């Protein structure tokens, strides 16, 4: 049976914004049709979209051995992570050329 709902109702069921719903329709990720100048989204398409999103979220949250180490050796993972306003800045090097040693 082909039941249809409005994009606003689909957005509520999918827990996304109305603009994201239209973007999914235009990208072909959400099946819809235009009747009398209004978009109507199939209830089945909403359910399929929810299923795909749930399976993607399960795969994303599953533990993975590839996430254990950044490099090939554990010693490479001890790099300090810089945060804050100078996160992208390079560390300063001392200018030892202009100093006279006593």
N, C-alpha and C. Protein backbone atom coordinates (compact mmCIF):
# COMPACT_ATOMS: atom_id res chain seq x y z
N UNK A 1 0.84 -1.18 0.00
CA UNK A 1 0.00 0.00 0.00
C UNK A 1 0.89 1.24 0.00
N UNK A 2 0.54 2.21 -0.83
CA UNK A 2 1.34 3.41 -0.95
C UNK A 2 0.75 4.54 -0.12
N UNK A 3 1.17 4.65 1.12
CA UNK A 3 0.78 5.77 1.96
C UNK A 3 1.85 6.83 1.85
N UNK A 4 1.42 8.08 1.81
CA UNK A 4 2.35 9.19 1.68
C UNK A 4 2.17 10.17 2.82
N UNK A 5 3.26 10.83 3.18
CA UNK A 5 3.22 11.85 4.21
C UNK A 5 3.93 13.10 3.67
N UNK A 6 3.71 14.20 4.34
CA UNK A 6 4.34 15.46 3.93
C UNK A 6 5.81 15.46 4.33
N UNK A 7 6.61 16.28 3.69
CA UNK A 7 8.03 16.39 4.08
C UNK A 7 8.21 16.83 5.54
N UNK A 8 7.31 17.65 6.03
CA UNK A 8 7.40 18.10 7.43
C UNK A 8 7.22 16.91 8.39
N UNK A 9 6.23 16.07 8.10
CA UNK A 9 6.00 14.89 8.94
C UNK A 9 7.17 13.90 8.81
N UNK A 10 7.71 13.75 7.61
CA UNK A 10 8.87 12.87 7.42
C UNK A 10 10.07 13.38 8.21
N UNK A 11 10.25 14.70 8.22
CA UNK A 11 11.35 15.29 8.98
C UNK A 11 11.20 15.00 10.47
N UNK A 12 9.98 15.07 10.97
CA UNK A 12 9.74 14.77 12.39
C UNK A 12 10.06 13.30 12.70
N UNK A 13 9.64 12.40 11.81
CA UNK A 13 9.89 10.98 12.04
C UNK A 13 11.36 10.63 11.93
N UNK A 14 12.07 11.33 11.04
CA UNK A 14 13.50 11.05 10.84
C UNK A 14 14.38 11.82 11.81
N UNK A 15 13.81 12.75 12.56
CA UNK A 15 14.55 13.60 13.50
C UNK A 15 15.63 14.40 12.78
N UNK A 16 15.24 14.98 11.64
CA UNK A 16 16.13 15.86 10.89
C UNK A 16 15.34 17.11 10.53
N UNK A 17 16.04 18.11 10.03
CA UNK A 17 15.37 19.35 9.67
C UNK A 17 14.61 19.19 8.36
N UNK A 18 13.72 20.13 8.09
CA UNK A 18 12.95 20.10 6.86
C UNK A 18 13.88 20.26 5.66
N UNK A 19 14.88 21.14 5.78
CA UNK A 19 15.84 21.32 4.69
C UNK A 19 16.62 20.05 4.42
N UNK A 20 17.00 19.32 5.47
CA UNK A 20 17.72 18.05 5.29
C UNK A 20 16.83 17.02 4.62
N UNK A 21 15.53 17.07 4.89
CA UNK A 21 14.59 16.16 4.25
C UNK A 21 14.51 16.43 2.76
N UNK A 22 14.38 17.70 2.39
CA UNK A 22 14.36 18.05 0.97
C UNK A 22 15.69 17.69 0.30
N UNK A 23 16.80 17.89 0.99
CA UNK A 23 18.10 17.54 0.43
C UNK A 23 18.19 16.03 0.17
N UNK A 24 17.64 15.23 1.07
CA UNK A 24 17.64 13.77 0.89
C UNK A 24 16.76 13.38 -0.29
N UNK A 25 15.65 14.09 -0.49
CA UNK A 25 14.77 13.82 -1.63
C UNK A 25 15.50 14.16 -2.93
N UNK A 26 16.11 15.35 -2.98
CA UNK A 26 16.78 15.78 -4.21
C UNK A 26 18.01 14.93 -4.51
N UNK A 27 18.66 14.40 -3.49
CA UNK A 27 19.83 13.55 -3.69
C UNK A 27 19.46 12.11 -4.03
N UNK A 28 18.18 11.78 -3.89
CA UNK A 28 17.73 10.44 -4.21
C UNK A 28 17.85 9.46 -3.05
N UNK A 29 18.17 9.95 -1.86
CA UNK A 29 18.27 9.07 -0.69
C UNK A 29 16.91 8.80 -0.06
N UNK A 30 15.92 9.60 -0.42
CA UNK A 30 14.57 9.47 0.13
C UNK A 30 13.59 9.55 -1.04
N UNK A 31 12.85 8.47 -1.27
CA UNK A 31 11.94 8.38 -2.41
C UNK A 31 10.70 9.25 -2.15
N UNK A 32 10.38 10.07 -3.13
CA UNK A 32 9.23 10.97 -3.01
C UNK A 32 8.69 11.25 -4.41
N UNK A 33 7.49 11.80 -4.45
CA UNK A 33 6.92 12.23 -5.72
C UNK A 33 6.16 13.52 -5.52
N UNK A 34 6.03 14.24 -6.60
CA UNK A 34 5.36 15.53 -6.53
C UNK A 34 3.95 15.39 -7.11
N UNK A 35 2.96 15.73 -6.29
CA UNK A 35 1.56 15.68 -6.72
C UNK A 35 0.92 17.05 -6.47
N UNK A 36 0.33 17.57 -7.51
CA UNK A 36 -0.34 18.89 -7.42
C UNK A 36 0.59 19.96 -6.86
N UNK A 37 1.85 19.89 -7.23
CA UNK A 37 2.82 20.90 -6.82
C UNK A 37 3.37 20.72 -5.42
N UNK A 38 3.01 19.62 -4.75
CA UNK A 38 3.51 19.37 -3.39
C UNK A 38 4.25 18.05 -3.35
N UNK A 39 5.35 18.03 -2.58
CA UNK A 39 6.12 16.80 -2.43
C UNK A 39 5.42 15.89 -1.43
N UNK A 40 5.34 14.61 -1.77
CA UNK A 40 4.81 13.59 -0.87
C UNK A 40 5.83 12.48 -0.77
N UNK A 41 6.11 12.07 0.44
CA UNK A 41 7.15 11.08 0.71
C UNK A 41 6.48 9.79 1.15
N UNK A 42 6.91 8.70 0.56
CA UNK A 42 6.35 7.40 0.88
C UNK A 42 6.73 6.99 2.30
N UNK A 43 5.77 6.42 3.02
CA UNK A 43 6.03 5.95 4.39
C UNK A 43 7.08 4.83 4.34
N UNK A 44 7.01 3.99 3.31
CA UNK A 44 8.01 2.93 3.15
C UNK A 44 9.41 3.51 2.97
N UNK A 45 9.51 4.61 2.24
CA UNK A 45 10.82 5.25 2.03
C UNK A 45 11.39 5.78 3.34
N UNK A 46 10.52 6.31 4.18
CA UNK A 46 10.97 6.80 5.50
C UNK A 46 11.50 5.64 6.33
N UNK A 47 10.77 4.52 6.32
CA UNK A 47 11.21 3.35 7.08
C UNK A 47 12.54 2.81 6.55
N UNK A 48 12.69 2.75 5.23
CA UNK A 48 13.94 2.29 4.63
C UNK A 48 15.10 3.21 5.01
N UNK A 49 14.83 4.51 4.99
CA UNK A 49 15.86 5.49 5.35
C UNK A 49 16.29 5.30 6.81
N UNK A 50 15.31 5.07 7.69
CA UNK A 50 15.63 4.83 9.10
C UNK A 50 16.44 3.56 9.28
N UNK A 51 16.10 2.51 8.54
CA UNK A 51 16.84 1.24 8.62
C UNK A 51 18.28 1.43 8.17
N UNK A 52 18.48 2.14 7.05
CA UNK A 52 19.85 2.38 6.56
C UNK A 52 20.64 3.17 7.59
N UNK A 53 20.00 4.17 8.19
CA UNK A 53 20.71 5.00 9.17
C UNK A 53 21.05 4.21 10.42
N UNK A 54 20.14 3.34 10.86
CA UNK A 54 20.41 2.52 12.04
C UNK A 54 21.56 1.55 11.78
N UNK A 55 21.56 0.92 10.61
CA UNK A 55 22.64 -0.03 10.31
C UNK A 55 23.97 0.69 10.15
N UNK A 56 23.95 1.90 9.59
CA UNK A 56 25.19 2.69 9.47
C UNK A 56 25.71 3.08 10.86
N UNK A 57 24.80 3.48 11.76
CA UNK A 57 25.20 3.87 13.11
C UNK A 57 25.76 2.68 13.88
N UNK A 58 25.17 1.49 13.69
CA UNK A 58 25.70 0.30 14.35
C UNK A 58 27.11 -0.01 13.87
N UNK A 59 27.33 0.12 12.56
CA UNK A 59 28.65 -0.16 12.00
C UNK A 59 29.67 0.87 12.48
N UNK A 60 29.23 2.13 12.63
CA UNK A 60 30.15 3.18 13.07
C UNK A 60 30.55 3.00 14.53
N UNK A 61 29.62 2.51 15.36
CA UNK A 61 29.88 2.36 16.78
C UNK A 61 30.49 1.01 17.15
N UNK A 62 30.62 0.12 16.19
CA UNK A 62 31.19 -1.20 16.47
C UNK A 62 32.68 -1.07 16.76
N UNK A 63 33.22 -1.84 17.73
CA UNK A 63 34.64 -1.78 18.01
C UNK A 63 35.44 -2.28 16.81
N UNK A 64 36.54 -1.62 16.58
CA UNK A 64 37.37 -1.98 15.43
C UNK A 64 38.82 -2.02 15.84
N UNK A 65 39.53 -3.04 15.38
CA UNK A 65 40.95 -3.13 15.70
C UNK A 65 41.75 -2.05 15.01
N UNK A 66 41.27 -1.56 13.87
CA UNK A 66 42.02 -0.55 13.13
C UNK A 66 42.06 0.78 13.87
N UNK A 67 41.14 1.01 14.82
CA UNK A 67 41.14 2.26 15.58
C UNK A 67 42.08 2.20 16.79
N UNK A 68 42.64 1.04 17.10
CA UNK A 68 43.46 0.91 18.29
C UNK A 68 44.75 1.71 18.19
N UNK A 69 45.42 1.67 17.06
CA UNK A 69 46.70 2.33 16.90
C UNK A 69 46.67 3.23 15.68
N UNK A 70 47.22 4.44 15.86
CA UNK A 70 47.32 5.36 14.73
C UNK A 70 48.45 4.90 13.82
N UNK A 71 49.58 4.61 14.39
CA UNK A 71 50.72 4.17 13.60
C UNK A 71 50.96 2.69 13.75
N UNK A 72 52.08 2.24 13.24
CA UNK A 72 52.35 0.80 13.29
C UNK A 72 52.89 0.37 14.65
N UNK A 73 53.46 1.29 15.40
CA UNK A 73 54.00 0.96 16.72
C UNK A 73 53.29 1.79 17.79
N UNK A 74 53.11 1.24 18.98
CA UNK A 74 52.43 1.99 20.04
C UNK A 74 53.14 3.28 20.42
N UNK A 75 54.45 3.37 20.23
CA UNK A 75 55.19 4.57 20.61
C UNK A 75 54.74 5.78 19.79
N UNK A 76 54.24 5.56 18.59
CA UNK A 76 53.80 6.67 17.76
C UNK A 76 52.51 7.29 18.27
N UNK A 77 51.80 6.60 19.13
CA UNK A 77 50.54 7.11 19.65
C UNK A 77 50.72 8.03 20.84
N UNK A 78 51.92 8.24 21.29
CA UNK A 78 52.16 9.08 22.46
C UNK A 78 52.36 10.54 22.09
N UNK A 79 51.97 10.92 20.90
CA UNK A 79 52.09 12.31 20.48
C UNK A 79 51.12 13.16 21.27
N UNK A 80 51.55 14.35 21.63
CA UNK A 80 50.70 15.26 22.39
C UNK A 80 49.69 15.90 21.45
N UNK A 81 48.44 15.90 21.85
CA UNK A 81 47.40 16.52 21.06
C UNK A 81 47.26 17.95 21.54
N UNK A 82 47.45 18.90 20.61
CA UNK A 82 47.37 20.31 20.97
C UNK A 82 45.94 20.79 20.79
N UNK A 83 45.44 21.48 21.80
CA UNK A 83 44.10 22.04 21.73
C UNK A 83 44.17 23.50 22.14
N UNK A 84 43.18 24.25 21.74
CA UNK A 84 43.11 25.64 22.12
C UNK A 84 43.35 26.55 20.93
N UNK A 85 43.57 27.84 21.22
CA UNK A 85 43.67 28.80 20.12
C UNK A 85 44.95 28.64 19.30
N UNK A 86 45.99 28.02 19.86
CA UNK A 86 47.23 27.81 19.12
C UNK A 86 47.38 26.36 18.65
N UNK A 87 46.26 25.69 18.40
CA UNK A 87 46.30 24.27 18.07
C UNK A 87 47.05 24.01 16.77
N UNK A 88 46.94 24.91 15.80
CA UNK A 88 47.60 24.69 14.52
C UNK A 88 48.99 25.29 14.44
N UNK A 89 49.40 25.99 15.46
CA UNK A 89 50.69 26.67 15.42
C UNK A 89 51.84 25.68 15.57
N UNK A 90 52.92 25.99 14.91
CA UNK A 90 54.12 25.17 15.03
C UNK A 90 54.85 25.54 16.33
N UNK A 91 55.55 24.60 16.95
CA UNK A 91 56.30 24.94 18.16
C UNK A 91 57.41 25.93 17.83
N UNK A 92 57.67 26.84 18.75
CA UNK A 92 58.72 27.84 18.53
C UNK A 92 60.09 27.21 18.73
N UNK A 93 61.02 27.66 17.91
CA UNK A 93 62.39 27.19 18.06
C UNK A 93 63.21 28.32 18.67
N UNK A 94 64.10 27.98 19.53
CA UNK A 94 64.95 28.99 20.14
C UNK A 94 65.91 29.56 19.11
N UNK A 95 66.07 30.83 19.17
CA UNK A 95 67.02 31.49 18.29
C UNK A 95 68.37 31.51 19.01
N UNK A 96 69.22 30.59 18.69
CA UNK A 96 70.52 30.49 19.36
C UNK A 96 71.61 31.17 18.58
N UNK A 97 71.32 31.64 17.38
CA UNK A 97 72.35 32.27 16.54
C UNK A 97 72.73 33.64 17.07
N UNK A 98 71.81 34.42 17.59
CA UNK A 98 72.08 35.79 18.02
C UNK A 98 72.60 35.86 19.44
N UNK A 99 72.57 34.81 20.17
CA UNK A 99 73.04 34.85 21.55
C UNK A 99 74.52 34.55 21.62
N UNK A 100 75.17 35.25 22.46
CA UNK A 100 76.59 34.97 22.68
C UNK A 100 76.71 34.09 23.89
N UNK A 101 77.53 33.11 23.77
CA UNK A 101 77.71 32.21 24.89
C UNK A 101 78.81 32.72 25.79
N UNK A 102 78.60 32.66 27.06
CA UNK A 102 79.61 33.16 28.01
C UNK A 102 80.33 32.01 28.67
